[in-house]
Amino acid sequence: MISETDIKHLKRCIELAKTALEKGDQPFGSVLVSKNGEVLFEDHNHIADGDYTQHPEFNIARWAGQNMTEADRADATVYTSGE
């Protein structure tokens, strides 16, 4: 079941995707949320320059790997928009 909290984070992903479009990029946005509901990291696509590793999901994974414990990563949720 999708909760109101899920909807809130998904709406933020859509806002980030709109930002990507405004910057000439493809419409993707992602948010990383801790098990306590804290937004830890958010980003949008940065691939317009041709670096296809700059999807927000990849940037979240890199950030989480450098800034979170394995246990915290396992308890976190990534929300992301689709095209």
PDB file of N, CA and C in Angstrom:
ATOM      1  N   MET A   1       0.826  -1.178   0.000  1.00  0.00           N
ATOM      2  CA  MET A   1       0.000   0.000   0.000  1.00  0.00           C
ATOM      3  C   MET A   1       0.878   1.251   0.000  1.00  0.00           C
ATOM      4  N   ILE A   2       0.524   2.216  -0.773  1.00  0.00           N
ATOM      5  CA  ILE A   2       1.263   3.478  -0.825  1.00  0.00           C
ATOM      6  C   ILE A   2       0.715   4.401   0.254  1.00  0.00           C
ATOM      7  N   SER A   3       1.613   4.904   1.085  1.00  0.00           N
ATOM      8  CA  SER A   3       1.217   5.774   2.188  1.00  0.00           C
ATOM      9  C   SER A   3       1.271   7.246   1.762  1.00  0.00           C
ATOM     10  N   GLU A   4       0.765   8.109   2.614  1.00  0.00           N
ATOM     11  CA  GLU A   4       0.861   9.559   2.378  1.00  0.00           C
ATOM     12  C   GLU A   4       2.318   9.991   2.356  1.00  0.00           C
ATOM     13  N   THR A   5       3.141   9.355   3.176  1.00  0.00           N
ATOM     14  CA  THR A   5       4.578   9.659   3.180  1.00  0.00           C
ATOM     15  C   THR A   5       5.202   9.290   1.840  1.00  0.00           C
ATOM     16  N   ASP A   6       4.845   8.120   1.312  1.00  0.00           N
ATOM     17  CA  ASP A   6       5.345   7.719  -0.006  1.00  0.00           C
ATOM     18  C   ASP A   6       4.945   8.754  -1.059  1.00  0.00           C
ATOM     19  N   ILE A   7       3.715   9.176  -1.029  1.00  0.00           N
ATOM     20  CA  ILE A   7       3.217  10.149  -2.009  1.00  0.00           C
ATOM     21  C   ILE A   7       3.990  11.458  -1.901  1.00  0.00           C
ATOM     22  N   LYS A   8       4.250  11.893  -0.671  1.00  0.00           N
ATOM     23  CA  LYS A   8       5.022  13.125  -0.468  1.00  0.00           C
ATOM     24  C   LYS A   8       6.396  13.025  -1.125  1.00  0.00           C
ATOM     25  N   HIS A   9       7.089  11.910  -0.915  1.00  0.00           N
ATOM     26  CA  HIS A   9       8.431  11.741  -1.487  1.00  0.00           C
ATOM     27  C   HIS A   9       8.374  11.578  -3.004  1.00  0.00           C
ATOM     28  N   LEU A  10       7.356  10.894  -3.498  1.00  0.00           N
ATOM     29  CA  LEU A  10       7.215  10.754  -4.948  1.00  0.00           C
ATOM     30  C   LEU A  10       6.916  12.101  -5.615  1.00  0.00           C
ATOM     31  N   LYS A  11       6.137  12.937  -4.951  1.00  0.00           N
ATOM     32  CA  LYS A  11       5.887  14.277  -5.496  1.00  0.00           C
ATOM     33  C   LYS A  11       7.177  15.078  -5.562  1.00  0.00           C
ATOM     34  N   ARG A  12       8.039  14.916  -4.562  1.00  0.00           N
ATOM     35  CA  ARG A  12       9.336  15.605  -4.597  1.00  0.00           C
ATOM     36  C   ARG A  12      10.164  15.091  -5.774  1.00  0.00           C
ATOM     37  N   CYS A  13      10.105  13.806  -6.057  1.00  0.00           N
ATOM     38  CA  CYS A  13      10.816  13.251  -7.212  1.00  0.00           C
ATOM     39  C   CYS A  13      10.335  13.906  -8.504  1.00  0.00           C
ATOM     40  N   ILE A  14       9.040  14.119  -8.609  1.00  0.00           N
ATOM     41  CA  ILE A  14       8.486  14.772  -9.802  1.00  0.00           C
ATOM     42  C   ILE A  14       8.968  16.208  -9.903  1.00  0.00           C
ATOM     43  N   GLU A  15       9.040  16.913  -8.761  1.00  0.00           N
ATOM     44  CA  GLU A  15       9.577  18.281  -8.771  1.00  0.00           C
ATOM     45  C   GLU A  15      11.025  18.283  -9.258  1.00  0.00           C
ATOM     46  N   LEU A  16      11.808  17.326  -8.782  1.00  0.00           N
ATOM     47  CA  LEU A  16      13.207  17.226  -9.217  1.00  0.00           C
ATOM     48  C   LEU A  16      13.301  16.887 -10.700  1.00  0.00           C
ATOM     49  N   ALA A  17      12.408  16.048 -11.189  1.00  0.00           N
ATOM     50  CA  ALA A  17      12.384  15.710 -12.613  1.00  0.00           C
ATOM     51  C   ALA A  17      12.066  16.949 -13.448  1.00  0.00           C
ATOM     52  N   LYS A  18      11.151  17.788 -12.962  1.00  0.00           N
ATOM     53  CA  LYS A  18      10.837  19.043 -13.662  1.00  0.00           C
ATOM     54  C   LYS A  18      12.054  19.955 -13.708  1.00  0.00           C
ATOM     55  N   THR A  19      12.810  19.989 -12.619  1.00  0.00           N
ATOM     56  CA  THR A  19      14.044  20.784 -12.593  1.00  0.00           C
ATOM     57  C   THR A  19      15.007  20.284 -13.658  1.00  0.00           C
ATOM     58  N   ALA A  20      15.127  18.970 -13.769  1.00  0.00           N
ATOM     59  CA  ALA A  20      16.000  18.401 -14.798  1.00  0.00           C
ATOM     60  C   ALA A  20      15.557  18.849 -16.188  1.00  0.00           C
ATOM     61  N   LEU A  21      14.259  18.791 -16.452  1.00  0.00           N
ATOM     62  CA  LEU A  21      13.738  19.230 -17.756  1.00  0.00           C
ATOM     63  C   LEU A  21      14.047  20.690 -18.017  1.00  0.00           C
ATOM     64  N   GLU A  22      13.858  21.519 -17.003  1.00  0.00           N
ATOM     65  CA  GLU A  22      14.140  22.951 -17.140  1.00  0.00           C
ATOM     66  C   GLU A  22      15.605  23.206 -17.464  1.00  0.00           C
ATOM     67  N   LYS A  23      16.479  22.299 -17.051  1.00  0.00           N
ATOM     68  CA  LYS A  23      17.920  22.431 -17.303  1.00  0.00           C
ATOM     69  C   LYS A  23      18.342  21.705 -18.578  1.00  0.00           C
ATOM     70  N   GLY A  24      17.350  21.217 -19.360  1.00  0.00           N
ATOM     71  CA  GLY A  24      17.647  20.567 -20.627  1.00  0.00           C
ATOM     72  C   GLY A  24      18.020  19.105 -20.504  1.00  0.00           C
ATOM     73  N   ASP A  25      17.627  18.486 -19.404  1.00  0.00           N
ATOM     74  CA  ASP A  25      17.973  17.092 -19.165  1.00  0.00           C
ATOM     75  C   ASP A  25      16.734  16.214 -19.228  1.00  0.00           C
ATOM     76  N   GLN A  26      16.930  14.921 -19.144  1.00  0.00           N
ATOM     77  CA  GLN A  26      15.805  13.980 -19.123  1.00  0.00           C
ATOM     78  C   GLN A  26      15.122  14.028 -17.751  1.00  0.00           C
ATOM     79  N   PRO A  27      13.804  13.802 -17.710  1.00  0.00           N
ATOM     80  CA  PRO A  27      13.039  14.008 -16.479  1.00  0.00           C
ATOM     81  C   PRO A  27      13.103  12.851 -15.473  1.00  0.00           C
ATOM     82  N   PHE A  28      14.141  12.857 -14.678  1.00  0.00           N
ATOM     83  CA  PHE A  28      14.245  11.886 -13.590  1.00  0.00           C
ATOM     84  C   PHE A  28      14.662  12.610 -12.320  1.00  0.00           C
ATOM     85  N   GLY A  29      14.045  12.231 -11.213  1.00  0.00           N
ATOM     86  CA  GLY A  29      14.414  12.743  -9.907  1.00  0.00           C
ATOM     87  C   GLY A  29      14.339  11.622  -8.899  1.00  0.00           C
ATOM     88  N   SER A  30      15.216  11.664  -7.895  1.00  0.00           N
ATOM     89  CA  SER A  30      15.255  10.609  -6.886  1.00  0.00           C
ATOM     90  C   SER A  30      15.518  11.201  -5.510  1.00  0.00           C
ATOM     91  N   VAL A  31      14.988  10.511  -4.490  1.00  0.00           N
ATOM     92  CA  VAL A  31      15.145  10.934  -3.104  1.00  0.00           C
ATOM     93  C   VAL A  31      15.502   9.709  -2.268  1.00  0.00           C
ATOM     94  N   LEU A  32      16.492   9.861  -1.385  1.00  0.00           N
ATOM     95  CA  LEU A  32      16.885   8.815  -0.443  1.00  0.00           C
ATOM     96  C   LEU A  32      16.353   9.204   0.930  1.00  0.00           C
ATOM     97  N   VAL A  33      15.611   8.290   1.556  1.00  0.00           N
ATOM     98  CA  VAL A  33      14.961   8.570   2.836  1.00  0.00           C
ATOM     99  C   VAL A  33      15.383   7.516   3.859  1.00  0.00           C
ATOM    100  N   SER A  34      15.748   7.984   5.055  1.00  0.00           N
ATOM    101  CA  SER A  34      16.136   7.067   6.132  1.00  0.00           C
ATOM    102  C   SER A  34      14.916   6.333   6.670  1.00  0.00           C
ATOM    103  N   LYS A  35      15.151   5.317   7.480  1.00  0.00           N
ATOM    104  CA  LYS A  35      14.034   4.564   8.068  1.00  0.00           C
ATOM    105  C   LYS A  35      13.194   5.443   8.981  1.00  0.00           C
ATOM    106  N   ASN A  36      13.765   6.558   9.449  1.00  0.00           N
ATOM    107  CA  ASN A  36      13.044   7.499  10.311  1.00  0.00           C
ATOM    108  C   ASN A  36      12.313   8.574   9.516  1.00  0.00           C
ATOM    109  N   GLY A  37      12.387   8.507   8.187  1.00  0.00           N
ATOM    110  CA  GLY A  37      11.680   9.454   7.335  1.00  0.00           C
ATOM    111  C   GLY A  37      12.448  10.705   6.980  1.00  0.00           C
ATOM    112  N   GLU A  38      13.719  10.768   7.363  1.00  0.00           N
ATOM    113  CA  GLU A  38      14.548  11.936   7.046  1.00  0.00           C
ATOM    114  C   GLU A  38      15.071  11.837   5.612  1.00  0.00           C
ATOM    115  N   VAL A  39      14.903  12.918   4.855  1.00  0.00           N
ATOM    116  CA  VAL A  39      15.479  12.968   3.506  1.00  0.00           C
ATOM    117  C   VAL A  39      16.982  13.157   3.664  1.00  0.00           C
ATOM    118  N   LEU A  40      17.736  12.188   3.168  1.00  0.00           N
ATOM    119  CA  LEU A  40      19.186  12.201   3.312  1.00  0.00           C
ATOM    120  C   LEU A  40      19.895  12.784   2.103  1.00  0.00           C
ATOM    121  N   PHE A  41      19.321  12.549   0.921  1.00  0.00           N
ATOM    122  CA  PHE A  41      19.973  12.986  -0.323  1.00  0.00           C
ATOM    123  C   PHE A  41      18.909  13.022  -1.401  1.00  0.00           C
ATOM    124  N   GLU A  42      18.991  13.998  -2.272  1.00  0.00           N
ATOM    125  CA  GLU A  42      18.096  14.059  -3.424  1.00  0.00           C
ATOM    126  C   GLU A  42      18.853  14.621  -4.607  1.00  0.00           C
ATOM    127  N   ASP A  43      18.408  14.244  -5.786  1.00  0.00           N
ATOM    128  CA  ASP A  43      19.117  14.681  -6.990  1.00  0.00           C
ATOM    129  C   ASP A  43      18.203  14.490  -8.200  1.00  0.00           C
ATOM    130  N   HIS A  44      18.624  15.066  -9.317  1.00  0.00           N
ATOM    131  CA  HIS A  44      17.934  14.883 -10.591  1.00  0.00           C
ATOM    132  C   HIS A  44      18.970  14.530 -11.642  1.00  0.00           C
ATOM    133  N   ASN A  45      18.509  14.189 -12.823  1.00  0.00           N
ATOM    134  CA  ASN A  45      19.412  13.809 -13.911  1.00  0.00           C
ATOM    135  C   ASN A  45      20.403  14.927 -14.233  1.00  0.00           C
ATOM    136  N   HIS A  46      21.631  14.505 -14.523  1.00  0.00           N
ATOM    137  CA  HIS A  46      22.692  15.421 -14.971  1.00  0.00           C
ATOM    138  C   HIS A  46      23.421  14.793 -16.160  1.00  0.00           C
ATOM    139  N   ILE A  47      22.673  14.201 -17.084  1.00  0.00           N
ATOM    140  CA  ILE A  47      23.319  13.461 -18.173  1.00  0.00           C
ATOM    141  C   ILE A  47      23.364  14.225 -19.492  1.00  0.00           C
ATOM    142  N   ALA A  48      22.869  15.449 -19.499  1.00  0.00           N
ATOM    143  CA  ALA A  48      22.819  16.218 -20.751  1.00  0.00           C
ATOM    144  C   ALA A  48      24.196  16.405 -21.380  1.00  0.00           C
ATOM    145  N   ASP A  49      25.247  16.361 -20.560  1.00  0.00           N
ATOM    146  CA  ASP A  49      26.600  16.536 -21.094  1.00  0.00           C
ATOM    147  C   ASP A  49      27.177  15.240 -21.648  1.00  0.00           C
ATOM    148  N   GLY A  50      26.386  14.148 -21.604  1.00  0.00           N
ATOM    149  CA  GLY A  50      26.825  12.882 -22.185  1.00  0.00           C
ATOM    150  C   GLY A  50      27.350  11.868 -21.185  1.00  0.00           C
ATOM    151  N   ASP A  51      27.459  12.233 -19.911  1.00  0.00           N
ATOM    152  CA  ASP A  51      27.925  11.294 -18.888  1.00  0.00           C
ATOM    153  C   ASP A  51      26.715  10.558 -18.323  1.00  0.00           C
ATOM    154  N   TYR A  52      26.464   9.375 -18.854  1.00  0.00           N
ATOM    155  CA  TYR A  52      25.272   8.626 -18.485  1.00  0.00           C
ATOM    156  C   TYR A  52      25.382   7.939 -17.123  1.00  0.00           C
ATOM    157  N   THR A  53      26.459   8.198 -16.390  1.00  0.00           N
ATOM    158  CA  THR A  53      26.548   7.713 -15.009  1.00  0.00           C
ATOM    159  C   THR A  53      25.960   8.728 -14.034  1.00  0.00           C
ATOM    160  N   GLN A  54      25.459   9.849 -14.554  1.00  0.00           N
ATOM    161  CA  GLN A  54      24.954  10.910 -13.683  1.00  0.00           C
ATOM    162  C   GLN A  54      23.433  10.877 -13.515  1.00  0.00           C
ATOM    163  N   HIS A  55      22.889   9.669 -13.509  1.00  0.00           N
ATOM    164  CA  HIS A  55      21.485   9.495 -13.144  1.00  0.00           C
ATOM    165  C   HIS A  55      21.369   9.697 -11.636  1.00  0.00           C
ATOM    166  N   PRO A  56      20.246  10.204 -11.152  1.00  0.00           N
ATOM    167  CA  PRO A  56      20.128  10.447  -9.717  1.00  0.00           C
ATOM    168  C   PRO A  56      20.217   9.175  -8.873  1.00  0.00           C
ATOM    169  N   GLU A  57      19.739   8.052  -9.392  1.00  0.00           N
ATOM    170  CA  GLU A  57      19.828   6.807  -8.627  1.00  0.00           C
ATOM    171  C   GLU A  57      21.281   6.399  -8.410  1.00  0.00           C
ATOM    172  N   PHE A  58      22.116   6.603  -9.427  1.00  0.00           N
ATOM    173  CA  PHE A  58      23.536   6.286  -9.295  1.00  0.00           C
ATOM    174  C   PHE A  58      24.189   7.214  -8.273  1.00  0.00           C
ATOM    175  N   ASN A  59      23.834   8.497  -8.327  1.00  0.00           N
ATOM    176  CA  ASN A  59      24.409   9.456  -7.387  1.00  0.00           C
ATOM    177  C   ASN A  59      23.979   9.145  -5.953  1.00  0.00           C
ATOM    178  N   ILE A  60      22.743   8.702  -5.783  1.00  0.00           N
ATOM    179  CA  ILE A  60      22.290   8.286  -4.455  1.00  0.00           C
ATOM    180  C   ILE A  60      23.097   7.082  -3.981  1.00  0.00           C
ATOM    181  N   ALA A  61      23.308   6.107  -4.849  1.00  0.00           N
ATOM    182  CA  ALA A  61      24.070   4.911  -4.465  1.00  0.00           C
ATOM    183  C   ALA A  61      25.488   5.281  -4.064  1.00  0.00           C
ATOM    184  N   ARG A  62      26.124   6.171  -4.829  1.00  0.00           N
ATOM    185  CA  ARG A  62      27.484   6.602  -4.492  1.00  0.00           C
ATOM    186  C   ARG A  62      27.499   7.317  -3.141  1.00  0.00           C
ATOM    187  N   TRP A  63      26.542   8.231  -2.944  1.00  0.00           N
ATOM    188  CA  TRP A  63      26.482   8.988  -1.697  1.00  0.00           C
ATOM    189  C   TRP A  63      26.246   8.048  -0.514  1.00  0.00           C
ATOM    190  N   ALA A  64      25.314   7.142  -0.662  1.00  0.00           N
ATOM    191  CA  ALA A  64      24.994   6.207   0.420  1.00  0.00           C
ATOM    192  C   ALA A  64      26.192   5.324   0.765  1.00  0.00           C
ATOM    193  N   GLY A  65      26.921   4.894  -0.253  1.00  0.00           N
ATOM    194  CA  GLY A  65      28.101   4.064  -0.025  1.00  0.00           C
ATOM    195  C   GLY A  65      29.183   4.789   0.759  1.00  0.00           C
ATOM    196  N   GLN A  66      29.259   6.092   0.591  1.00  0.00           N
ATOM    197  CA  GLN A  66      30.289   6.889   1.266  1.00  0.00           C
ATOM    198  C   GLN A  66      29.831   7.459   2.606  1.00  0.00           C
ATOM    199  N   ASN A  67      28.524   7.553   2.837  1.00  0.00           N
ATOM    200  CA  ASN A  67      28.027   8.286   3.998  1.00  0.00           C
ATOM    201  C   ASN A  67      27.120   7.499   4.938  1.00  0.00           C
ATOM    202  N   MET A  68      26.823   6.263   4.609  1.00  0.00           N
ATOM    203  CA  MET A  68      25.903   5.470   5.429  1.00  0.00           C
ATOM    204  C   MET A  68      26.517   4.118   5.743  1.00  0.00           C
ATOM    205  N   THR A  69      26.137   3.572   6.875  1.00  0.00           N
ATOM    206  CA  THR A  69      26.559   2.210   7.199  1.00  0.00           C
ATOM    207  C   THR A  69      25.751   1.226   6.364  1.00  0.00           C
ATOM    208  N   GLU A  70      26.227   0.011   6.291  1.00  0.00           N
ATOM    209  CA  GLU A  70      25.503  -1.018   5.541  1.00  0.00           C
ATOM    210  C   GLU A  70      24.094  -1.216   6.115  1.00  0.00           C
ATOM    211  N   ALA A  71      23.986  -1.214   7.430  1.00  0.00           N
ATOM    212  CA  ALA A  71      22.677  -1.394   8.073  1.00  0.00           C
ATOM    213  C   ALA A  71      21.739  -0.233   7.755  1.00  0.00           C
ATOM    214  N   ASP A  72      22.263   0.994   7.782  1.00  0.00           N
ATOM    215  CA  ASP A  72      21.434   2.154   7.458  1.00  0.00           C
ATOM    216  C   ASP A  72      20.978   2.120   6.001  1.00  0.00           C
ATOM    217  N   ARG A  73      21.866   1.679   5.107  1.00  0.00           N
ATOM    218  CA  ARG A  73      21.486   1.554   3.693  1.00  0.00           C
ATOM    219  C   ARG A  73      20.375   0.534   3.527  1.00  0.00           C
ATOM    220  N   ALA A  74      20.458  -0.569   4.246  1.00  0.00           N
ATOM    221  CA  ALA A  74      19.441  -1.620   4.129  1.00  0.00           C
ATOM    222  C   ALA A  74      18.073  -1.144   4.607  1.00  0.00           C
ATOM    223  N   ASP A  75      18.057  -0.199   5.542  1.00  0.00           N
ATOM    224  CA  ASP A  75      16.796   0.300   6.097  1.00  0.00           C
ATOM    225  C   ASP A  75      16.252   1.510   5.361  1.00  0.00           C
ATOM    226  N   ALA A  76      17.023   2.064   4.432  1.00  0.00           N
ATOM    227  CA  ALA A  76      16.614   3.279   3.708  1.00  0.00           C
ATOM    228  C   ALA A  76      15.740   2.927   2.506  1.00  0.00           C
ATOM    229  N   THR A  77      15.060   3.956   1.994  1.00  0.00           N
ATOM    230  CA  THR A  77      14.215   3.792   0.814  1.00  0.00           C
ATOM    231  C   THR A  77      14.630   4.814  -0.236  1.00  0.00           C
ATOM    232  N   VAL A  78      14.714   4.371  -1.469  1.00  0.00           N
ATOM    233  CA  VAL A  78      14.945   5.276  -2.591  1.00  0.00           C
ATOM    234  C   VAL A  78      13.628   5.418  -3.354  1.00  0.00           C
ATOM    235  N   TYR A  79      13.220   6.645  -3.524  1.00  0.00           N
ATOM    236  CA  TYR A  79      12.054   6.967  -4.364  1.00  0.00           C
ATOM    237  C   TYR A  79      12.601   7.574  -5.630  1.00  0.00           C
ATOM    238  N   THR A  80      11.996   7.248  -6.765  1.00  0.00           N
ATOM    239  CA  THR A  80      12.458   7.823  -8.019  1.00  0.00           C
ATOM    240  C   THR A  80      11.293   7.969  -8.991  1.00  0.00           C
ATOM    241  N   SER A  81      11.393   8.998  -9.810  1.00  0.00           N
ATOM    242  CA  SER A  81      10.372   9.220 -10.841  1.00  0.00           C
ATOM    243  C   SER A  81      10.754   8.447 -12.087  1.00  0.00           C
ATOM    244  N   GLY A  82       9.781   8.223 -12.934  1.00  0.00           N
ATOM    245  CA  GLY A  82      10.027   7.657 -14.241  1.00  0.00           C
ATOM    246  C   GLY A  82       9.734   8.701 -15.293  1.00  0.00           C
ATOM    247  N   GLU A  83      10.153   8.456 -16.502  1.00  0.00           N
ATOM    248  CA  GLU A  83       9.920   9.406 -17.581  1.00  0.00           C
ATOM    249  C   GLU A  83       8.448   9.621 -17.776  1.00  0.00           C
TER     250      GLU A  83
END
